[in-house]
Amino acid sequence: MSGIADTNTIDLVAQDADGTYLLVMVESRPWGSDAAQATQLQNKINTYAGYALDGLLAEHYPETVGQPVAIRLHCVDTPTGEFADIAAQAADQLATYAIAFRVNPENSPESAHETPR
């Protein structure tokens, strides 16, 4: 997978058991391990939002039209500090477009959870 450092690539498109289409981004580095990481995360989220909102998801996957969409951040650990702030801001902004933003840290007992706002 490309990861958030490759800000212009959609890492994975999948469908959840409940029918939600997932745009999954992967971050395999610990938070704060790269000075550019926060900017990369913001840019990656913007790429994913644009992919869904500008119609490219529907163009590439016509079966997604009219279906729920979520962006999932799969990461090593729970985002903290500025990374948590970026995730919370993304969740707030995307919710206005009926797109959920979920964080799925490997260290979490839950498989995925909604980002708190």
Protein backbone atom coordinates (compact mmCIF):
# COMPACT_ATOMS: atom_id res chain seq x y z
CA MET A 1 0.00 0.00 0.00
CA SER A 2 1.12 3.51 -0.73
CA GLY A 3 0.47 5.15 2.64
CA ILE A 4 -0.16 8.77 3.49
CA ALA A 5 3.25 9.88 2.20
CA ASP A 6 1.87 9.24 -1.31
CA THR A 7 -0.81 11.91 -1.01
CA ASN A 8 -2.23 11.55 -4.53
CA THR A 9 -3.02 7.81 -4.39
CA ILE A 10 -6.14 6.06 -3.10
CA ASP A 11 -4.68 3.12 -1.18
CA LEU A 12 -7.73 0.85 -1.13
CA VAL A 13 -11.44 0.83 -1.95
CA ALA A 14 -13.50 -1.79 -0.11
CA GLN A 15 -16.99 -2.52 1.13
CA ASP A 16 -17.82 -3.01 4.81
CA ALA A 17 -20.16 -5.76 6.03
CA ASP A 18 -22.92 -3.17 6.46
CA GLY A 19 -22.65 -2.10 2.79
CA THR A 20 -20.66 1.09 3.37
CA TYR A 21 -18.03 1.74 0.74
CA LEU A 22 -14.66 2.44 2.36
CA LEU A 23 -11.82 4.53 1.07
CA VAL A 24 -8.94 3.22 3.17
CA MET A 25 -5.71 5.11 3.74
CA VAL A 26 -2.79 3.44 5.49
CA GLU A 27 -0.16 4.96 7.77
CA SER A 28 2.46 2.44 8.85
CA ARG A 29 4.73 4.96 10.56
CA PRO A 30 4.30 6.05 14.18
CA TRP A 31 2.73 9.50 14.53
CA GLY A 32 5.36 12.24 14.64
CA SER A 33 8.07 10.15 12.97
CA ASP A 34 8.32 12.50 9.97
CA ALA A 35 8.25 16.30 10.03
CA ALA A 36 6.02 16.30 6.92
CA GLN A 37 3.57 13.75 8.30
CA ALA A 38 0.86 16.19 9.44
CA THR A 39 0.83 17.92 6.06
CA GLN A 40 0.82 14.55 4.32
CA LEU A 41 -2.19 13.46 6.39
CA GLN A 42 -4.09 16.65 5.55
CA ASN A 43 -3.28 16.29 1.85
CA LYS A 44 -4.22 12.60 1.80
CA ILE A 45 -7.57 13.34 3.46
CA ASN A 46 -8.19 16.10 0.88
CA THR A 47 -7.38 13.66 -1.95
CA TYR A 48 -9.83 11.11 -0.55
CA ALA A 49 -12.56 13.70 -0.01
CA GLY A 50 -12.11 14.98 -3.54
CA TYR A 51 -12.23 11.44 -4.93
CA ALA A 52 -15.60 10.87 -3.29
CA LEU A 53 -17.12 14.33 -3.71
CA ASP A 54 -15.95 15.08 -7.26
CA GLY A 55 -17.51 11.89 -8.64
CA LEU A 56 -14.38 9.85 -9.31
CA LEU A 57 -15.44 7.12 -6.88
CA ALA A 58 -18.77 6.77 -8.72
CA GLU A 59 -17.01 6.90 -12.10
CA HIS A 60 -14.57 4.14 -11.17
CA TYR A 61 -17.09 2.13 -9.12
CA PRO A 62 -20.63 2.81 -10.43
CA GLU A 63 -22.13 0.48 -7.80
CA THR A 64 -21.22 3.06 -5.13
CA VAL A 65 -23.73 5.63 -6.41
CA GLY A 66 -26.27 6.39 -3.68
CA GLN A 67 -24.47 4.16 -1.17
CA PRO A 68 -22.89 5.26 2.13
CA VAL A 69 -19.21 6.16 1.94
CA ALA A 70 -16.64 6.35 4.72
CA ILE A 71 -12.98 7.24 4.76
CA ARG A 72 -10.96 5.01 7.06
CA LEU A 73 -7.48 5.78 8.36
CA HIS A 74 -5.70 2.55 9.23
CA CYS A 75 -2.70 3.38 11.42
CA VAL A 76 -0.21 1.89 13.87
CA ASP A 77 -1.52 3.72 16.92
CA THR A 78 -4.19 6.20 17.92
CA PRO A 79 -3.49 9.68 16.59
CA THR A 80 -2.60 12.23 19.27
CA GLY A 81 -1.89 15.96 19.32
CA GLU A 82 -1.99 17.66 15.92
CA PHE A 83 -2.80 14.34 14.21
CA ALA A 84 -5.87 13.86 16.40
CA ASP A 85 -6.86 17.44 15.65
CA ILE A 86 -6.56 16.84 11.90
CA ALA A 87 -8.66 13.67 12.18
CA ALA A 88 -11.35 15.41 14.25
CA GLN A 89 -11.50 18.36 11.85
CA ALA A 90 -11.78 15.97 8.89
CA ALA A 91 -14.60 14.08 10.63
CA ASP A 92 -16.50 17.32 11.23
CA GLN A 93 -16.07 18.62 7.69
CA LEU A 94 -16.81 15.31 5.97
CA ALA A 95 -19.92 14.74 8.08
CA THR A 96 -21.51 17.73 6.35
CA TYR A 97 -21.31 15.67 3.14
CA ALA A 98 -22.59 12.46 4.81
CA ILE A 99 -19.12 10.90 4.65
CA ALA A 100 -17.92 9.28 7.85
CA PHE A 101 -14.26 9.51 8.82
CA ARG A 102 -13.07 6.58 10.91
CA VAL A 103 -9.74 5.89 12.54
CA ASN A 104 -8.67 2.27 12.83
CA PRO A 105 -5.53 2.08 14.99
CA GLU A 106 -3.87 -1.32 15.27
CA ASN A 107 -3.47 -0.82 19.03
CA SER A 108 -7.22 -0.35 19.57
CA PRO A 109 -9.43 -3.15 20.93
CA GLU A 110 -12.12 -2.01 18.48
CA SER A 111 -11.76 -2.84 14.79
CA ALA A 112 -12.80 0.71 13.85
CA HIS A 113 -14.46 3.61 15.58
CA GLU A 114 -15.88 6.94 14.62
CA THR A 115 -13.49 9.80 15.19
CA PRO A 116 -14.74 11.80 18.18
CA ARG A 117 -15.78 15.36 17.40
